[in-house]
């Protein structure tokens, strides 16, 4: 069962960067599609304190809402990479 969760928006290049890394590492994750309108992204804001995506949640490593694609990719590589 996937414990990683990713809040993302279809067509977002930053989100695609993260999903590519997740796929490269063979990690299962639960995807949450967010609304296009930032004002409707209340769930993302509650988790990460902002409305941008992508946002990663990794309860196994106490990551409650990590924003910024470059930070997420580096985290995934460090935590789950070979």
N, C-alpha and C. Protein backbone atom coordinates (compact mmCIF):
# COMPACT_ATOMS: atom_id res chain seq x y z
N UNK A 1 0.84 -1.19 0.00
CA UNK A 1 0.00 0.00 0.00
C UNK A 1 0.88 1.25 0.00
N UNK A 2 0.52 2.20 -0.83
CA UNK A 2 1.29 3.43 -0.96
C UNK A 2 1.08 4.33 0.25
N UNK A 3 2.18 4.79 0.83
CA UNK A 3 2.06 5.75 1.91
C UNK A 3 2.42 7.14 1.43
N UNK A 4 3.15 7.24 0.31
CA UNK A 4 3.48 8.55 -0.25
C UNK A 4 2.22 9.14 -0.88
N UNK A 5 2.05 10.44 -0.72
CA UNK A 5 0.93 11.13 -1.35
C UNK A 5 1.49 12.34 -2.08
N UNK A 6 0.97 12.58 -3.28
CA UNK A 6 1.42 13.72 -4.07
C UNK A 6 0.22 14.54 -4.50
N UNK A 7 0.25 15.80 -4.15
CA UNK A 7 -0.78 16.75 -4.60
C UNK A 7 -0.24 17.39 -5.86
N UNK A 8 -0.99 17.27 -6.95
CA UNK A 8 -0.49 17.72 -8.24
C UNK A 8 -1.61 18.26 -9.12
N UNK A 9 -1.18 18.89 -10.20
CA UNK A 9 -2.10 19.48 -11.17
C UNK A 9 -1.72 18.94 -12.54
N UNK A 10 -2.71 18.46 -13.26
CA UNK A 10 -2.47 17.94 -14.61
C UNK A 10 -1.86 19.02 -15.49
N UNK A 11 -0.80 18.66 -16.20
CA UNK A 11 -0.15 19.60 -17.10
C UNK A 11 0.90 20.47 -16.44
N UNK A 12 1.12 20.30 -15.16
CA UNK A 12 2.11 21.09 -14.43
C UNK A 12 3.50 20.48 -14.64
N UNK A 13 4.44 21.23 -15.23
CA UNK A 13 5.77 20.67 -15.48
C UNK A 13 6.55 20.35 -14.20
N UNK A 14 6.30 21.09 -13.14
CA UNK A 14 6.99 20.82 -11.87
C UNK A 14 6.47 19.52 -11.25
N UNK A 15 5.17 19.29 -11.39
CA UNK A 15 4.58 18.04 -10.91
C UNK A 15 5.11 16.86 -11.73
N UNK A 16 5.25 17.07 -13.03
CA UNK A 16 5.77 16.01 -13.91
C UNK A 16 7.19 15.62 -13.52
N UNK A 17 7.99 16.59 -13.12
CA UNK A 17 9.36 16.31 -12.68
C UNK A 17 9.35 15.36 -11.49
N UNK A 18 8.42 15.59 -10.56
CA UNK A 18 8.32 14.74 -9.37
C UNK A 18 7.78 13.36 -9.72
N UNK A 19 6.75 13.29 -10.55
CA UNK A 19 6.19 11.97 -10.90
C UNK A 19 7.21 11.15 -11.68
N UNK A 20 8.02 11.80 -12.50
CA UNK A 20 9.08 11.10 -13.23
C UNK A 20 10.06 10.47 -12.25
N UNK A 21 10.45 11.21 -11.21
CA UNK A 21 11.38 10.68 -10.21
C UNK A 21 10.74 9.54 -9.43
N UNK A 22 9.48 9.70 -9.05
CA UNK A 22 8.77 8.62 -8.35
C UNK A 22 8.76 7.35 -9.20
N UNK A 23 8.48 7.50 -10.48
CA UNK A 23 8.45 6.35 -11.39
C UNK A 23 9.84 5.74 -11.56
N UNK A 24 10.87 6.60 -11.70
CA UNK A 24 12.25 6.11 -11.84
C UNK A 24 12.64 5.25 -10.64
N UNK A 25 12.21 5.66 -9.46
CA UNK A 25 12.57 4.95 -8.24
C UNK A 25 11.62 3.78 -7.94
N UNK A 26 10.59 3.62 -8.78
CA UNK A 26 9.64 2.52 -8.60
C UNK A 26 8.78 2.66 -7.36
N UNK A 27 8.50 3.90 -6.98
CA UNK A 27 7.73 4.16 -5.76
C UNK A 27 6.24 4.27 -6.06
N UNK A 28 5.44 3.62 -5.25
CA UNK A 28 3.99 3.77 -5.35
C UNK A 28 3.58 5.01 -4.57
N UNK A 29 2.58 5.70 -5.08
CA UNK A 29 2.10 6.89 -4.40
C UNK A 29 0.64 7.11 -4.74
N UNK A 30 -0.01 7.82 -3.85
CA UNK A 30 -1.40 8.19 -4.09
C UNK A 30 -1.41 9.61 -4.64
N UNK A 31 -2.05 9.78 -5.78
CA UNK A 31 -2.11 11.09 -6.42
C UNK A 31 -3.40 11.80 -6.06
N UNK A 32 -3.27 13.07 -5.71
CA UNK A 32 -4.43 13.92 -5.43
C UNK A 32 -4.40 15.07 -6.44
N UNK A 33 -5.36 15.10 -7.34
CA UNK A 33 -5.46 16.20 -8.29
C UNK A 33 -6.07 17.41 -7.59
N UNK A 34 -5.46 18.55 -7.79
CA UNK A 34 -5.95 19.78 -7.15
C UNK A 34 -6.66 20.64 -8.18
N UNK A 35 -7.54 21.53 -7.73
CA UNK A 35 -8.21 22.45 -8.65
C UNK A 35 -7.22 23.42 -9.29
N UNK A 36 -7.55 23.90 -10.48
CA UNK A 36 -6.70 24.89 -11.16
C UNK A 36 -6.60 26.19 -10.37
N UNK A 37 -7.71 26.58 -9.79
CA UNK A 37 -7.77 27.85 -9.07
C UNK A 37 -7.08 27.72 -7.70
N UNK A 38 -6.10 28.60 -7.47
CA UNK A 38 -5.38 28.58 -6.19
C UNK A 38 -6.34 28.79 -5.02
N UNK A 39 -7.37 29.58 -5.21
CA UNK A 39 -8.31 29.88 -4.12
C UNK A 39 -9.11 28.66 -3.70
N UNK A 40 -9.16 27.63 -4.54
CA UNK A 40 -9.91 26.41 -4.23
C UNK A 40 -9.02 25.31 -3.66
N UNK A 41 -7.74 25.57 -3.49
CA UNK A 41 -6.80 24.55 -3.03
C UNK A 41 -6.65 24.56 -1.50
N UNK A 42 -7.77 24.49 -0.82
CA UNK A 42 -7.74 24.59 0.64
C UNK A 42 -7.03 23.40 1.27
N UNK A 43 -7.20 22.22 0.72
CA UNK A 43 -6.55 21.03 1.29
C UNK A 43 -5.03 21.15 1.21
N UNK A 44 -4.53 21.59 0.07
CA UNK A 44 -3.08 21.78 -0.10
C UNK A 44 -2.57 22.84 0.87
N UNK A 45 -3.33 23.90 1.02
CA UNK A 45 -2.92 24.98 1.92
C UNK A 45 -2.87 24.51 3.38
N UNK A 46 -3.83 23.68 3.77
CA UNK A 46 -3.83 23.15 5.13
C UNK A 46 -2.62 22.26 5.38
N UNK A 47 -2.21 21.52 4.37
CA UNK A 47 -1.10 20.58 4.52
C UNK A 47 0.26 21.28 4.48
N UNK A 48 0.42 22.22 3.54
CA UNK A 48 1.76 22.79 3.30
C UNK A 48 1.89 24.27 3.64
N UNK A 49 0.77 24.93 3.93
CA UNK A 49 0.84 26.35 4.25
C UNK A 49 0.88 27.25 3.04
N UNK A 50 0.75 26.67 1.85
CA UNK A 50 0.72 27.46 0.62
C UNK A 50 -0.14 26.71 -0.40
N UNK A 51 -0.40 27.33 -1.56
CA UNK A 51 -1.33 26.72 -2.51
C UNK A 51 -0.65 26.18 -3.77
N UNK A 52 0.67 26.30 -3.84
CA UNK A 52 1.38 25.78 -5.01
C UNK A 52 1.51 24.27 -4.97
N UNK A 53 1.69 23.69 -6.13
CA UNK A 53 1.95 22.25 -6.26
C UNK A 53 3.21 22.08 -7.10
N UNK A 54 3.89 20.97 -6.96
CA UNK A 54 3.54 19.77 -6.21
C UNK A 54 3.81 19.90 -4.72
N UNK A 55 3.12 19.04 -3.96
CA UNK A 55 3.35 18.91 -2.52
C UNK A 55 3.40 17.42 -2.22
N UNK A 56 4.44 17.02 -1.49
CA UNK A 56 4.62 15.61 -1.13
C UNK A 56 4.33 15.40 0.36
N UNK A 57 3.64 14.30 0.65
CA UNK A 57 3.41 13.87 2.03
C UNK A 57 4.01 12.47 2.15
N UNK A 58 4.87 12.28 3.15
CA UNK A 58 5.50 10.98 3.42
C UNK A 58 5.43 10.71 4.92
N UNK A 59 4.31 10.14 5.38
CA UNK A 59 4.13 9.92 6.82
C UNK A 59 5.18 8.99 7.43
N UNK A 60 5.76 8.10 6.63
CA UNK A 60 6.78 7.19 7.15
C UNK A 60 8.04 7.93 7.60
N UNK A 61 8.26 9.13 7.06
CA UNK A 61 9.45 9.91 7.40
C UNK A 61 9.09 11.30 7.94
N UNK A 62 7.88 11.42 8.49
CA UNK A 62 7.42 12.66 9.12
C UNK A 62 7.47 13.88 8.19
N UNK A 63 7.18 13.66 6.91
CA UNK A 63 7.08 14.76 5.96
C UNK A 63 5.60 15.06 5.79
N UNK A 64 5.17 16.21 6.32
CA UNK A 64 3.75 16.53 6.35
C UNK A 64 3.26 17.29 5.13
N UNK A 65 4.14 17.94 4.39
CA UNK A 65 3.70 18.71 3.23
C UNK A 65 4.87 19.45 2.63
N UNK A 66 5.72 18.74 1.90
CA UNK A 66 6.92 19.34 1.31
C UNK A 66 6.59 19.94 -0.05
N UNK A 67 6.76 21.27 -0.21
CA UNK A 67 6.56 21.90 -1.51
C UNK A 67 7.88 21.95 -2.30
N UNK A 68 7.82 22.50 -3.50
CA UNK A 68 8.99 22.75 -4.36
C UNK A 68 9.51 21.47 -5.00
N UNK A 69 9.36 21.37 -6.31
CA UNK A 69 9.72 20.16 -7.03
C UNK A 69 11.18 19.77 -6.85
N UNK A 70 12.10 20.73 -6.90
CA UNK A 70 13.52 20.39 -6.76
C UNK A 70 13.81 19.81 -5.38
N UNK A 71 13.19 20.36 -4.35
CA UNK A 71 13.37 19.84 -3.00
C UNK A 71 12.79 18.43 -2.88
N UNK A 72 11.64 18.21 -3.49
CA UNK A 72 11.00 16.89 -3.44
C UNK A 72 11.86 15.86 -4.15
N UNK A 73 12.34 16.20 -5.35
CA UNK A 73 13.17 15.27 -6.11
C UNK A 73 14.43 14.92 -5.33
N UNK A 74 15.08 15.92 -4.74
CA UNK A 74 16.29 15.67 -3.94
C UNK A 74 15.96 14.79 -2.73
N UNK A 75 14.85 15.05 -2.08
CA UNK A 75 14.42 14.25 -0.93
C UNK A 75 14.18 12.79 -1.34
N UNK A 76 13.47 12.60 -2.44
CA UNK A 76 13.17 11.24 -2.89
C UNK A 76 14.46 10.49 -3.22
N UNK A 77 15.38 11.16 -3.89
CA UNK A 77 16.64 10.53 -4.27
C UNK A 77 17.44 10.15 -3.01
N UNK A 78 17.49 11.06 -2.06
CA UNK A 78 18.25 10.83 -0.82
C UNK A 78 17.61 9.73 0.03
N UNK A 79 16.28 9.74 0.10
CA UNK A 79 15.57 8.82 1.00
C UNK A 79 15.34 7.44 0.37
N UNK A 80 15.04 7.41 -0.92
CA UNK A 80 14.64 6.16 -1.55
C UNK A 80 15.56 5.71 -2.69
N UNK A 81 16.52 6.55 -3.07
CA UNK A 81 17.42 6.19 -4.16
C UNK A 81 18.41 5.13 -3.74
N UNK A 82 19.07 4.53 -4.72
CA UNK A 82 20.03 3.46 -4.47
C UNK A 82 21.14 3.90 -3.63
